[in-house]
Amino acid sequence: MTSDRPLILLLALLLSLVAFVAAKDVTVEIQSAGSGPPVTESHRYDSHVTLYIQNADGTKTPSGWSTRQSDGAVRDQPFAFQPGVGL
């Protein structure tokens, strides 16, 4: 009986290579710096988020999910979060 270990290692290597080639860079863009107090675990906050794909020419295509009406949401609907809670 031959060992399947070399085949498993080869498949893992190929899968890793495919994942590496298919991976895209992630860009986080802050729209404006906050002027309020620092974020703490004792407060609950509302936040707007838009996910988009940046095209090679620099234009942006919404990826289908946003909390902003101006970026494709049915209505403005920020989500609430509290740092350190529910992670």
C-alpha atoms as a PDB file:
ATOM      1  CA  MET A   1       0.000   0.000   0.000  1.00  0.00           C
ATOM      2  CA  THR A   2       1.462   3.354  -1.030  1.00  0.00           C
ATOM      3  CA  SER A   3       1.224   6.495   1.035  1.00  0.00           C
ATOM      4  CA  ASP A   4      -1.118   9.281  -0.093  1.00  0.00           C
ATOM      5  CA  ARG A   5       0.986  11.878   1.659  1.00  0.00           C
ATOM      6  CA  PRO A   6       2.883  13.135  -1.444  1.00  0.00           C
ATOM      7  CA  LEU A   7      -0.389  13.514  -3.339  1.00  0.00           C
ATOM      8  CA  ILE A   8      -1.990  15.413  -0.464  1.00  0.00           C
ATOM      9  CA  LEU A   9       1.031  17.713  -0.207  1.00  0.00           C
ATOM     10  CA  LEU A  10       0.941  18.353  -3.960  1.00  0.00           C
ATOM     11  CA  LEU A  11      -2.765  19.155  -3.860  1.00  0.00           C
ATOM     12  CA  ALA A  12      -2.238  21.491  -0.876  1.00  0.00           C
ATOM     13  CA  LEU A  13       0.555  23.261  -2.748  1.00  0.00           C
ATOM     14  CA  LEU A  14      -1.598  23.666  -5.864  1.00  0.00           C
ATOM     15  CA  LEU A  15      -4.521  24.961  -3.819  1.00  0.00           C
ATOM     16  CA  SER A  16      -2.243  27.466  -2.066  1.00  0.00           C
ATOM     17  CA  LEU A  17      -0.884  28.625  -5.408  1.00  0.00           C
ATOM     18  CA  VAL A  18      -4.378  29.122  -6.832  1.00  0.00           C
ATOM     19  CA  ALA A  19      -5.432  31.059  -3.720  1.00  0.00           C
ATOM     20  CA  PHE A  20      -2.324  33.253  -3.935  1.00  0.00           C
ATOM     21  CA  VAL A  21      -2.892  34.048  -7.618  1.00  0.00           C
ATOM     22  CA  ALA A  22      -6.602  34.767  -7.095  1.00  0.00           C
ATOM     23  CA  ALA A  23      -6.098  36.964  -4.022  1.00  0.00           C
ATOM     24  CA  LYS A  24      -6.844  40.663  -4.372  1.00  0.00           C
ATOM     25  CA  ASP A  25      -5.485  43.584  -2.390  1.00  0.00           C
ATOM     26  CA  VAL A  26      -7.816  45.112   0.162  1.00  0.00           C
ATOM     27  CA  THR A  27      -7.973  48.887   0.454  1.00  0.00           C
ATOM     28  CA  VAL A  28      -9.376  50.624   3.499  1.00  0.00           C
ATOM     29  CA  GLU A  29     -10.201  54.244   2.806  1.00  0.00           C
ATOM     30  CA  ILE A  30     -11.146  56.612   5.617  1.00  0.00           C
ATOM     31  CA  GLN A  31     -13.598  59.182   4.295  1.00  0.00           C
ATOM     32  CA  SER A  32     -12.792  61.739   6.968  1.00  0.00           C
ATOM     33  CA  ALA A  33     -10.904  61.689  10.204  1.00  0.00           C
ATOM     34  CA  GLY A  34     -13.098  61.806  13.270  1.00  0.00           C
ATOM     35  CA  SER A  35     -13.025  64.900  15.416  1.00  0.00           C
ATOM     36  CA  GLY A  36     -14.884  63.369  18.356  1.00  0.00           C
ATOM     37  CA  PRO A  37     -13.610  61.544  21.402  1.00  0.00           C
ATOM     38  CA  PRO A  38     -11.592  58.329  21.018  1.00  0.00           C
ATOM     39  CA  VAL A  39     -13.472  55.066  20.456  1.00  0.00           C
ATOM     40  CA  THR A  40     -13.889  53.108  23.694  1.00  0.00           C
ATOM     41  CA  GLU A  41     -15.471  49.819  24.734  1.00  0.00           C
ATOM     42  CA  SER A  42     -17.978  51.654  26.926  1.00  0.00           C
ATOM     43  CA  HIS A  43     -19.886  53.244  24.014  1.00  0.00           C
ATOM     44  CA  ARG A  44     -22.006  51.954  21.124  1.00  0.00           C
ATOM     45  CA  TYR A  45     -21.373  53.490  17.683  1.00  0.00           C
ATOM     46  CA  ASP A  46     -23.132  53.710  14.316  1.00  0.00           C
ATOM     47  CA  SER A  47     -21.102  53.172  11.161  1.00  0.00           C
ATOM     48  CA  HIS A  48     -21.622  53.293   7.401  1.00  0.00           C
ATOM     49  CA  VAL A  49     -19.772  50.858   5.159  1.00  0.00           C
ATOM     50  CA  THR A  50     -19.606  50.369   1.388  1.00  0.00           C
ATOM     51  CA  LEU A  51     -17.813  47.486  -0.245  1.00  0.00           C
ATOM     52  CA  TYR A  52     -16.649  48.035  -3.808  1.00  0.00           C
ATOM     53  CA  ILE A  53     -14.242  46.734  -6.412  1.00  0.00           C
ATOM     54  CA  GLN A  54     -11.659  49.154  -7.743  1.00  0.00           C
ATOM     55  CA  ASN A  55     -11.217  48.692 -11.488  1.00  0.00           C
ATOM     56  CA  ALA A  56      -7.871  48.878 -13.277  1.00  0.00           C
ATOM     57  CA  ASP A  57      -8.738  52.379 -14.525  1.00  0.00           C
ATOM     58  CA  GLY A  58      -9.355  53.624 -10.971  1.00  0.00           C
ATOM     59  CA  THR A  59     -13.156  53.682 -11.163  1.00  0.00           C
ATOM     60  CA  LYS A  60     -15.116  51.899  -8.461  1.00  0.00           C
ATOM     61  CA  THR A  61     -17.928  49.385  -8.907  1.00  0.00           C
ATOM     62  CA  PRO A  62     -20.139  48.746  -5.863  1.00  0.00           C
ATOM     63  CA  SER A  63     -19.913  45.073  -4.910  1.00  0.00           C
ATOM     64  CA  GLY A  64     -23.564  44.892  -3.952  1.00  0.00           C
ATOM     65  CA  TRP A  65     -23.418  45.714  -0.248  1.00  0.00           C
ATOM     66  CA  SER A  66     -23.588  49.145   1.315  1.00  0.00           C
ATOM     67  CA  THR A  67     -25.222  50.885   4.249  1.00  0.00           C
ATOM     68  CA  ARG A  68     -25.331  54.166   2.271  1.00  0.00           C
ATOM     69  CA  GLN A  69     -28.207  55.028  -0.036  1.00  0.00           C
ATOM     70  CA  SER A  70     -25.821  57.136  -2.131  1.00  0.00           C
ATOM     71  CA  ASP A  71     -23.796  53.966  -2.840  1.00  0.00           C
ATOM     72  CA  GLY A  72     -26.670  51.656  -3.746  1.00  0.00           C
ATOM     73  CA  ALA A  73     -28.471  50.775  -0.517  1.00  0.00           C
ATOM     74  CA  VAL A  74     -32.275  50.998  -0.530  1.00  0.00           C
ATOM     75  CA  ARG A  75     -31.997  53.513   2.328  1.00  0.00           C
ATOM     76  CA  ASP A  76     -29.323  54.787   4.698  1.00  0.00           C
ATOM     77  CA  GLN A  77     -29.025  52.156   7.395  1.00  0.00           C
ATOM     78  CA  PRO A  78     -25.840  52.368   9.465  1.00  0.00           C
ATOM     79  CA  PHE A  79     -25.021  49.387  11.618  1.00  0.00           C
ATOM     80  CA  ALA A  80     -24.387  49.673  15.343  1.00  0.00           C
ATOM     81  CA  PHE A  81     -21.373  48.176  17.037  1.00  0.00           C
ATOM     82  CA  GLN A  82     -19.650  48.248  20.375  1.00  0.00           C
ATOM     83  CA  PRO A  83     -15.891  47.580  20.435  1.00  0.00           C
ATOM     84  CA  GLY A  84     -15.038  44.286  22.114  1.00  0.00           C
ATOM     85  CA  VAL A  85     -18.661  43.079  22.211  1.00  0.00           C
ATOM     86  CA  GLY A  86     -19.966  40.238  20.075  1.00  0.00           C
ATOM     87  CA  LEU A  87     -16.681  39.482  18.347  1.00  0.00           C
END
